[in-house]
Amino acid sequence: MSKTLRIALAALALGAFSAPSYAADAPAAAAAPSGDTVVARVNGQEIHRAEVQHEMQQLGPQAQQVPMQMLYPELLNKMIATKLVSSQGYAEKMQNDPEVKAQLKDAEAQIVAQEYVRKTIQPKITEAKIKEKYDALSAKFKPEEEVHARHILLPTEAEAQDVIKQLKGGADFAKLAQDKSHDTGSAKQGGDLGYFTRAVMVKQFADAAFSMKPNEISDKPIKTEFGYHVIQVLDKRKSSPPPLSEVHDQIANQLGQDMTNDLIKSLEAKAKIEKFNPDGTPMKTAAAPDAAPAK
């Protein structure tokens, strides 16, 4: 089972409700349209396909990466169970319980606030604004030197020296990494670590890798806290910003968060807000900065 699917099922089991996505193409939640496919009946009460799709949206973006048919059975069972239990609760007039009414009022306020923010903010997150934000971030990007390397990790210096000897004799680096490396993660890729900056590696490893030339193999084992490394540098380059397609939704969400914060600040500026401590005494607010002296 994939990590994404495990997370999605965990969210489903917990009944998680995620914050709305601010991606420009995020679908708005909608009630089941008339004529929508009926996927279950519980004592005559219908559950529609659109309702299941809406429930899936509430599980968040990771769940939406999973094909619907994989989550569908569990999601439908959850909705049927909710329908069964809520029907029994309504039959026993739980909707009239003061505590239930208070929770419903609170939930209503949360939903109204969320929908107000979504309908106010989402139309403002245009592709032009996303591109503008991306360009601004790209302009601030500071290229760093990156190395593309692979390595073989051994527990002893003698074993590492033996591997270096085999490599000098013409042995295949990737094959030796698969057979001998104690870094099981990279061993499956022939020891390939991909491109990395100096900061992400331990100092001894980084110092060695960044001092080497492309296609060079370390002539002696590099000792770190993890063991002894045999390194081959494959390439060097300057880092560059990721393409817009890779960060589009993250930027849209960040714009949404920024606009939401600005909206709340503007509402706070117009409102009279009083805060009190748990004992009812007025809460002290941070003192305003002293005004600049007149010139």
Foldseek 3Di string as FASTA:
>chain_A
DDPLVVLLVVLLVVLAFDAQFLFLPGDDQDDDDPPADFPDAAVNRTDGPSNLVNSQVRSDDSSVVDPCVVCVVVSVVVVNVCVVVVVVCVVVVVCPDPVNVVVVVVVVVVVVVRVVLCVVQNVVLDPVVLVVVVVVVQVVDDWAKKWWKFKAFAAAQVVVLVVLVVVVVPDDQLVCLLVHGPPPVCNVVSRTPGIDGLVVDPNQVSVVRVVDDAQDWDNGWGDDPRHTMIMHTHDMDIDGDDDCVVCSSVSSRVSSVVVVVVVVVVVVVVDDDWDADPVRHGDDDDDDDDDDDDD
